[in-house]
Amino acid sequence: MTYGYERLTGRIESEPLDLLCEWLEATIGLRLTAFASNAKQTEIREIAHGAQCPREQLEKRLRNLYAVTRMLAVRDRPASAPEWLMAPNPELSGRAPADLLREGESPEPVWFAAAPTF
């Protein structure tokens, strides 16, 4: 089965949201995608299949989740993303990155926590 992933460019703001949701679902799972974006699983599934256009806030959360998940998948491996998203992170005051994204907080601290330091 192909999901059209070859059409994903990594350009967060211009990715088709249905493909982005499909990729998230395949990479980190439906439950974590729904949790981190503060949505229902049925809502995520409908967006992934083009049956629903999300509200603006949900689209923003999905794109933020995609940004950090894609970076982790490219940098490490796709399987590392769910564990990293759910683990308490000392750089985020002991909070899990998924919790911050779910609450709609600015995604920059999550991105910086995921980025390698030099």
C-alpha atoms as a PDB file:
ATOM      1  CA  MET A   1       0.000   0.000   0.000  1.00  0.00           C
ATOM      2  CA  THR A   2       1.351   3.423  -0.866  1.00  0.00           C
ATOM      3  CA  TYR A   3       0.386   6.579   0.948  1.00  0.00           C
ATOM      4  CA  GLY A   4       1.891   9.068  -1.450  1.00  0.00           C
ATOM      5  CA  TYR A   5       4.756   9.734   0.949  1.00  0.00           C
ATOM      6  CA  GLU A   6       7.030  10.356  -1.989  1.00  0.00           C
ATOM      7  CA  ARG A   7       5.035  13.563  -2.520  1.00  0.00           C
ATOM      8  CA  LEU A   8       5.877  14.828   0.983  1.00  0.00           C
ATOM      9  CA  THR A   9       8.514  17.498   0.621  1.00  0.00           C
ATOM     10  CA  GLY A  10       9.144  18.336   4.270  1.00  0.00           C
ATOM     11  CA  ARG A  11       7.781  21.851   3.747  1.00  0.00           C
ATOM     12  CA  ILE A  12       5.489  21.988   6.734  1.00  0.00           C
ATOM     13  CA  GLU A  13       3.300  24.880   5.677  1.00  0.00           C
ATOM     14  CA  SER A  14       2.515  23.558   2.196  1.00  0.00           C
ATOM     15  CA  GLU A  15       2.078  19.817   2.738  1.00  0.00           C
ATOM     16  CA  PRO A  16      -1.394  18.516   1.883  1.00  0.00           C
ATOM     17  CA  LEU A  17      -2.959  17.949   5.281  1.00  0.00           C
ATOM     18  CA  ASP A  18      -4.457  14.584   4.370  1.00  0.00           C
ATOM     19  CA  LEU A  19      -1.008  13.193   3.423  1.00  0.00           C
ATOM     20  CA  LEU A  20       0.538  14.746   6.487  1.00  0.00           C
ATOM     21  CA  CYS A  21      -2.077  13.054   8.722  1.00  0.00           C
ATOM     22  CA  GLU A  22      -1.612   9.726   6.962  1.00  0.00           C
ATOM     23  CA  TRP A  23       2.137   9.972   7.481  1.00  0.00           C
ATOM     24  CA  LEU A  24       1.715  10.827  11.168  1.00  0.00           C
ATOM     25  CA  GLU A  25      -0.719   7.946  11.626  1.00  0.00           C
ATOM     26  CA  ALA A  26       1.714   5.509   9.999  1.00  0.00           C
ATOM     27  CA  THR A  27       4.765   6.910  11.816  1.00  0.00           C
ATOM     28  CA  ILE A  28       3.577   7.513  15.393  1.00  0.00           C
ATOM     29  CA  GLY A  29       0.151   5.902  15.378  1.00  0.00           C
ATOM     30  CA  LEU A  30      -3.404   7.152  15.435  1.00  0.00           C
ATOM     31  CA  ARG A  31      -3.661   7.382  19.233  1.00  0.00           C
ATOM     32  CA  LEU A  32      -0.535   9.503  19.690  1.00  0.00           C
ATOM     33  CA  THR A  33      -1.391  11.700  16.707  1.00  0.00           C
ATOM     34  CA  ALA A  34      -4.847  12.351  18.167  1.00  0.00           C
ATOM     35  CA  PHE A  35      -3.486  12.893  21.680  1.00  0.00           C
ATOM     36  CA  ALA A  36      -0.693  15.303  20.701  1.00  0.00           C
ATOM     37  CA  SER A  37      -2.992  17.333  18.455  1.00  0.00           C
ATOM     38  CA  ASN A  38      -5.850  17.345  20.995  1.00  0.00           C
ATOM     39  CA  ALA A  39      -8.277  15.709  18.586  1.00  0.00           C
ATOM     40  CA  LYS A  40     -10.419  12.598  18.447  1.00  0.00           C
ATOM     41  CA  GLN A  41      -9.074   9.563  16.639  1.00  0.00           C
ATOM     42  CA  THR A  42     -12.067   9.593  14.286  1.00  0.00           C
ATOM     43  CA  GLU A  43     -11.322  13.216  13.439  1.00  0.00           C
ATOM     44  CA  ILE A  44      -7.698  12.390  12.542  1.00  0.00           C
ATOM     45  CA  ARG A  45      -8.803   9.418  10.436  1.00  0.00           C
ATOM     46  CA  GLU A  46     -11.349  11.580   8.568  1.00  0.00           C
ATOM     47  CA  ILE A  47      -8.740  14.264   7.877  1.00  0.00           C
ATOM     48  CA  ALA A  48      -6.289  11.609   6.646  1.00  0.00           C
ATOM     49  CA  HIS A  49      -8.885  10.318   4.192  1.00  0.00           C
ATOM     50  CA  GLY A  50      -9.905  13.776   2.989  1.00  0.00           C
ATOM     51  CA  ALA A  51     -13.374  13.499   4.504  1.00  0.00           C
ATOM     52  CA  GLN A  52     -12.969  16.449   6.842  1.00  0.00           C
ATOM     53  CA  CYS A  53     -11.340  19.863   6.789  1.00  0.00           C
ATOM     54  CA  PRO A  54      -9.980  20.602  10.284  1.00  0.00           C
ATOM     55  CA  ARG A  55     -10.475  23.743  12.274  1.00  0.00           C
ATOM     56  CA  GLU A  56      -7.553  26.180  12.113  1.00  0.00           C
ATOM     57  CA  GLN A  57      -6.175  25.368  15.576  1.00  0.00           C
ATOM     58  CA  LEU A  58      -6.135  21.624  14.869  1.00  0.00           C
ATOM     59  CA  GLU A  59      -4.367  22.150  11.550  1.00  0.00           C
ATOM     60  CA  LYS A  60      -1.710  24.213  13.336  1.00  0.00           C
ATOM     61  CA  ARG A  61      -1.196  21.502  15.970  1.00  0.00           C
ATOM     62  CA  LEU A  62      -0.953  18.793  13.311  1.00  0.00           C
ATOM     63  CA  ARG A  63       1.629  20.764  11.344  1.00  0.00           C
ATOM     64  CA  ASN A  64       3.660  21.401  14.528  1.00  0.00           C
ATOM     65  CA  LEU A  65       3.504  17.701  15.403  1.00  0.00           C
ATOM     66  CA  TYR A  66       4.539  16.811  11.866  1.00  0.00           C
ATOM     67  CA  ALA A  67       7.521  19.187  12.050  1.00  0.00           C
ATOM     68  CA  VAL A  68       9.050  17.608  15.133  1.00  0.00           C
ATOM     69  CA  THR A  69       8.127  14.042  14.159  1.00  0.00           C
ATOM     70  CA  ARG A  70       9.637  14.405  10.695  1.00  0.00           C
ATOM     71  CA  MET A  71      12.831  15.864  12.138  1.00  0.00           C
ATOM     72  CA  LEU A  72      13.136  12.943  14.567  1.00  0.00           C
ATOM     73  CA  ALA A  73      12.359  10.404  11.838  1.00  0.00           C
ATOM     74  CA  VAL A  74      14.992  11.839   9.524  1.00  0.00           C
ATOM     75  CA  ARG A  75      17.606  12.401  12.213  1.00  0.00           C
ATOM     76  CA  ASP A  76      17.213   9.147  14.111  1.00  0.00           C
ATOM     77  CA  ARG A  77      14.626   6.721  12.835  1.00  0.00           C
ATOM     78  CA  PRO A  78      10.822   6.821  12.666  1.00  0.00           C
ATOM     79  CA  ALA A  79      10.455   4.408  15.595  1.00  0.00           C
ATOM     80  CA  SER A  80      12.200   6.872  17.941  1.00  0.00           C
ATOM     81  CA  ALA A  81       9.550   9.576  17.593  1.00  0.00           C
ATOM     82  CA  PRO A  82       6.723   8.085  19.732  1.00  0.00           C
ATOM     83  CA  GLU A  83       9.040   7.358  22.634  1.00  0.00           C
ATOM     84  CA  TRP A  84      10.591  10.837  22.488  1.00  0.00           C
ATOM     85  CA  LEU A  85       7.201  12.559  22.267  1.00  0.00           C
ATOM     86  CA  MET A  86       5.847  10.790  25.362  1.00  0.00           C
ATOM     87  CA  ALA A  87       8.927  10.857  27.604  1.00  0.00           C
ATOM     88  CA  PRO A  88       9.313  13.575  30.241  1.00  0.00           C
ATOM     89  CA  ASN A  89      11.971  15.959  28.972  1.00  0.00           C
ATOM     90  CA  PRO A  90      14.246  17.905  31.342  1.00  0.00           C
ATOM     91  CA  GLU A  91      14.603  20.669  28.744  1.00  0.00           C
ATOM     92  CA  LEU A  92      10.818  21.146  28.928  1.00  0.00           C
ATOM     93  CA  SER A  93      10.651  21.323  32.745  1.00  0.00           C
ATOM     94  CA  GLY A  94      10.030  17.593  32.929  1.00  0.00           C
ATOM     95  CA  ARG A  95       6.982  17.714  30.662  1.00  0.00           C
ATOM     96  CA  ALA A  96       6.459  15.409  27.702  1.00  0.00           C
ATOM     97  CA  PRO A  97       6.685  17.120  24.291  1.00  0.00           C
ATOM     98  CA  ALA A  98       3.298  15.651  23.300  1.00  0.00           C
ATOM     99  CA  ASP A  99       1.698  17.364  26.306  1.00  0.00           C
ATOM    100  CA  LEU A 100       3.007  20.778  25.266  1.00  0.00           C
ATOM    101  CA  LEU A 101       1.828  20.327  21.681  1.00  0.00           C
ATOM    102  CA  ARG A 102      -1.576  19.073  22.893  1.00  0.00           C
ATOM    103  CA  GLU A 103      -2.037  22.140  25.062  1.00  0.00           C
ATOM    104  CA  GLY A 104      -1.335  24.393  22.086  1.00  0.00           C
ATOM    105  CA  GLU A 105       1.742  25.971  23.602  1.00  0.00           C
ATOM    106  CA  SER A 106       4.355  27.463  21.354  1.00  0.00           C
ATOM    107  CA  PRO A 107       6.115  24.617  19.548  1.00  0.00           C
ATOM    108  CA  GLU A 108       9.535  26.257  19.592  1.00  0.00           C
ATOM    109  CA  PRO A 109      10.632  24.753  22.936  1.00  0.00           C
ATOM    110  CA  VAL A 110       9.705  21.289  21.630  1.00  0.00           C
ATOM    111  CA  TRP A 111      11.647  21.856  18.421  1.00  0.00           C
ATOM    112  CA  PHE A 112      14.679  23.108  20.335  1.00  0.00           C
ATOM    113  CA  ALA A 113      14.511  20.144  22.714  1.00  0.00           C
ATOM    114  CA  ALA A 114      14.474  17.788  19.718  1.00  0.00           C
ATOM    115  CA  ALA A 115      17.276  19.548  17.857  1.00  0.00           C
ATOM    116  CA  PRO A 116      20.823  18.318  18.427  1.00  0.00           C
ATOM    117  CA  THR A 117      23.118  20.638  20.312  1.00  0.00           C
ATOM    118  CA  PHE A 118      26.608  21.386  19.121  1.00  0.00           C
END
